[in-house]
Amino acid sequence: MSDKGRHAADDAIGKGKEAAGKLTDDEKLENEGKADQVGAKVKKAGDSIKDAFDKATDRD
């Protein structure tokens, strides 16, 4: 799986944890899910920067 795919999966897992935490009234699980989502978003931003750099330098 590519990095982008892994980061999307991390985001989805985080959303699932957050939802499960809300349903079960488990604040720790909910917060863990939110943290996973933030981590995935940071990684996605890194991917975007890398893609922009590659495009600007004609790398593939």
N, C-alpha and C. Protein backbone atom coordinates (compact mmCIF):
# COMPACT_ATOMS: atom_id res chain seq x y z
N MET A 1 0.85 -1.18 0.00
CA MET A 1 0.00 0.00 0.00
C MET A 1 0.89 1.24 0.00
N SER A 2 0.49 2.22 -0.78
CA SER A 2 1.26 3.46 -0.86
C SER A 2 1.08 4.28 0.41
N ASP A 3 1.97 5.26 0.57
CA ASP A 3 1.87 6.14 1.73
C ASP A 3 0.52 6.86 1.75
N LYS A 4 0.08 7.32 0.58
CA LYS A 4 -1.20 8.04 0.51
C LYS A 4 -2.34 7.12 0.93
N GLY A 5 -2.30 5.88 0.52
CA GLY A 5 -3.33 4.92 0.91
C GLY A 5 -3.30 4.64 2.40
N ARG A 6 -2.10 4.52 2.95
CA ARG A 6 -1.96 4.29 4.39
C ARG A 6 -2.49 5.48 5.19
N HIS A 7 -2.22 6.68 4.69
CA HIS A 7 -2.67 7.88 5.40
C HIS A 7 -4.20 8.00 5.35
N ALA A 8 -4.79 7.63 4.22
CA ALA A 8 -6.25 7.64 4.11
C ALA A 8 -6.84 6.59 5.05
N ALA A 9 -6.19 5.44 5.14
CA ALA A 9 -6.66 4.39 6.04
C ALA A 9 -6.55 4.84 7.50
N ASP A 10 -5.46 5.52 7.84
CA ASP A 10 -5.29 6.04 9.21
C ASP A 10 -6.41 7.01 9.55
N ASP A 11 -6.78 7.85 8.59
CA ASP A 11 -7.86 8.81 8.79
C ASP A 11 -9.18 8.09 9.02
N ALA A 12 -9.44 7.08 8.20
CA ALA A 12 -10.69 6.32 8.33
C ALA A 12 -10.75 5.58 9.67
N ILE A 13 -9.63 5.01 10.08
CA ILE A 13 -9.58 4.32 11.37
C ILE A 13 -9.84 5.31 12.50
N GLY A 14 -9.24 6.50 12.39
CA GLY A 14 -9.47 7.53 13.40
C GLY A 14 -10.93 7.93 13.49
N LYS A 15 -11.58 8.06 12.34
CA LYS A 15 -13.01 8.42 12.33
C LYS A 15 -13.83 7.31 12.98
N GLY A 16 -13.45 6.07 12.71
CA GLY A 16 -14.15 4.94 13.32
C GLY A 16 -13.98 4.92 14.83
N LYS A 17 -12.77 5.17 15.29
CA LYS A 17 -12.51 5.21 16.73
C LYS A 17 -13.30 6.34 17.39
N GLU A 18 -13.31 7.49 16.73
CA GLU A 18 -14.04 8.63 17.28
C GLU A 18 -15.53 8.30 17.39
N ALA A 19 -16.09 7.71 16.34
CA ALA A 19 -17.51 7.35 16.34
C ALA A 19 -17.80 6.30 17.41
N ALA A 20 -16.94 5.30 17.51
CA ALA A 20 -17.13 4.26 18.52
C ALA A 20 -17.05 4.85 19.93
N GLY A 21 -16.14 5.78 20.12
CA GLY A 21 -16.02 6.44 21.42
C GLY A 21 -17.25 7.23 21.78
N LYS A 22 -17.83 7.91 20.79
CA LYS A 22 -19.06 8.66 21.03
C LYS A 22 -20.21 7.73 21.38
N LEU A 23 -20.32 6.62 20.63
CA LEU A 23 -21.42 5.68 20.86
C LEU A 23 -21.33 5.01 22.22
N THR A 24 -20.12 4.70 22.65
CA THR A 24 -19.95 4.00 23.92
C THR A 24 -19.65 4.93 25.08
N ASP A 25 -19.66 6.23 24.80
CA ASP A 25 -19.35 7.24 25.81
C ASP A 25 -17.96 7.03 26.41
N ASP A 26 -17.02 6.63 25.53
CA ASP A 26 -15.63 6.40 25.92
C ASP A 26 -14.80 7.58 25.42
N GLU A 27 -14.59 8.53 26.30
CA GLU A 27 -13.90 9.77 25.92
C GLU A 27 -12.47 9.50 25.46
N LYS A 28 -11.79 8.54 26.10
CA LYS A 28 -10.42 8.22 25.73
C LYS A 28 -10.35 7.71 24.28
N LEU A 29 -11.25 6.82 23.91
CA LEU A 29 -11.28 6.28 22.55
C LEU A 29 -11.63 7.37 21.54
N GLU A 30 -12.57 8.21 21.91
CA GLU A 30 -12.96 9.32 21.04
C GLU A 30 -11.77 10.25 20.78
N ASN A 31 -11.04 10.58 21.83
CA ASN A 31 -9.87 11.46 21.69
C ASN A 31 -8.75 10.79 20.91
N GLU A 32 -8.60 9.48 21.10
CA GLU A 32 -7.59 8.74 20.35
C GLU A 32 -7.92 8.79 18.85
N GLY A 33 -9.19 8.65 18.53
CA GLY A 33 -9.62 8.76 17.14
C GLY A 33 -9.35 10.12 16.55
N LYS A 34 -9.62 11.15 17.32
CA LYS A 34 -9.34 12.52 16.85
C LYS A 34 -7.85 12.71 16.62
N ALA A 35 -7.03 12.18 17.52
CA ALA A 35 -5.58 12.29 17.38
C ALA A 35 -5.10 11.54 16.13
N ASP A 36 -5.66 10.37 15.88
CA ASP A 36 -5.31 9.62 14.67
C ASP A 36 -5.62 10.43 13.42
N GLN A 37 -6.76 11.10 13.43
CA GLN A 37 -7.16 11.91 12.27
C GLN A 37 -6.20 13.08 12.06
N VAL A 38 -5.81 13.72 13.14
CA VAL A 38 -4.87 14.85 13.03
C VAL A 38 -3.53 14.35 12.47
N GLY A 39 -3.07 13.22 12.97
CA GLY A 39 -1.83 12.64 12.47
C GLY A 39 -1.91 12.34 10.98
N ALA A 40 -3.03 11.79 10.56
CA ALA A 40 -3.22 11.47 9.15
C ALA A 40 -3.24 12.74 8.30
N LYS A 41 -3.87 13.79 8.81
CA LYS A 41 -3.92 15.04 8.06
C LYS A 41 -2.53 15.67 7.92
N VAL A 42 -1.72 15.56 8.95
CA VAL A 42 -0.35 16.08 8.88
C VAL A 42 0.44 15.30 7.82
N LYS A 43 0.27 13.98 7.83
CA LYS A 43 0.97 13.16 6.84
C LYS A 43 0.49 13.46 5.42
N LYS A 44 -0.83 13.70 5.27
CA LYS A 44 -1.37 14.05 3.96
C LYS A 44 -0.79 15.39 3.49
N ALA A 45 -0.62 16.33 4.41
CA ALA A 45 -0.03 17.62 4.06
C ALA A 45 1.41 17.43 3.59
N GLY A 46 2.13 16.54 4.25
CA GLY A 46 3.49 16.22 3.82
C GLY A 46 3.51 15.63 2.42
N ASP A 47 2.53 14.77 2.14
CA ASP A 47 2.41 14.19 0.79
C ASP A 47 2.19 15.30 -0.24
N SER A 48 1.34 16.25 0.10
CA SER A 48 1.03 17.34 -0.83
C SER A 48 2.27 18.19 -1.11
N ILE A 49 3.05 18.45 -0.07
CA ILE A 49 4.28 19.23 -0.24
C ILE A 49 5.26 18.46 -1.12
N LYS A 50 5.39 17.16 -0.86
CA LYS A 50 6.28 16.33 -1.67
C LYS A 50 5.82 16.32 -3.13
N ASP A 51 4.52 16.18 -3.35
CA ASP A 51 3.99 16.18 -4.72
C ASP A 51 4.27 17.51 -5.42
N ALA A 52 4.09 18.61 -4.70
CA ALA A 52 4.33 19.93 -5.28
C ALA A 52 5.81 20.09 -5.63
N PHE A 53 6.68 19.62 -4.75
CA PHE A 53 8.12 19.69 -5.02
C PHE A 53 8.47 18.85 -6.24
N ASP A 54 7.94 17.63 -6.28
CA ASP A 54 8.21 16.76 -7.42
C ASP A 54 7.72 17.38 -8.73
N LYS A 55 6.54 17.98 -8.68
CA LYS A 55 6.00 18.62 -9.89
C LYS A 55 6.86 19.81 -10.31
N ALA A 56 7.30 20.59 -9.32
CA ALA A 56 8.09 21.78 -9.62
C ALA A 56 9.47 21.41 -10.17
N THR A 57 9.96 20.24 -9.81
CA THR A 57 11.28 19.83 -10.28
C THR A 57 11.19 18.75 -11.35
N ASP A 58 9.98 18.54 -11.87
CA ASP A 58 9.72 17.54 -12.92
C ASP A 58 10.15 16.14 -12.53
N ARG A 59 9.88 15.76 -11.30
CA ARG A 59 10.17 14.40 -10.84
C ARG A 59 8.87 13.61 -10.81
N ASP A 60 8.98 12.31 -11.06
CA ASP A 60 7.81 11.42 -10.96
C ASP A 60 8.14 10.24 -10.13
